[in-house]
Amino acid sequence: MCDTGNLGALPLVVLTAGDHRRDFAAGISAASRMQFEGVWRKLQAELAALSTNSVHRIVDGTGHQSLQLDNAAVPMTSAAILEVVEAVRTGQPLAQ
């Protein structure tokens, strides 16, 4: 992990796209993609670890764009934003 400091107990939800085939991993071999996904998930877990009040969710079958544009995935993204806003507003920790 690089020395990025930490966020203390600030609420943080990290949504990780679980399938980058349609994003920036398009066109690479299956073995390379699996290796990439493993590294990516590790980096995302490190990001979540910056806060002691964090949740890390891997959204299988989604790419970055689908987390923002796909009707099936957008509610998860919106819910994560609302969870953080509610945690800040109430001072309560995020639900795991």
Foldseek 3Di string as FASTA:
>chain_A
DDPPAADEAQEEEAEAEADCCVPPCPPDDPVVRVVVSVVSVVVSVVVQVSHPQYHYHYDYPGHPVCCCPPPVNVVVVVVSVVQSVVCVVVVNGGDD
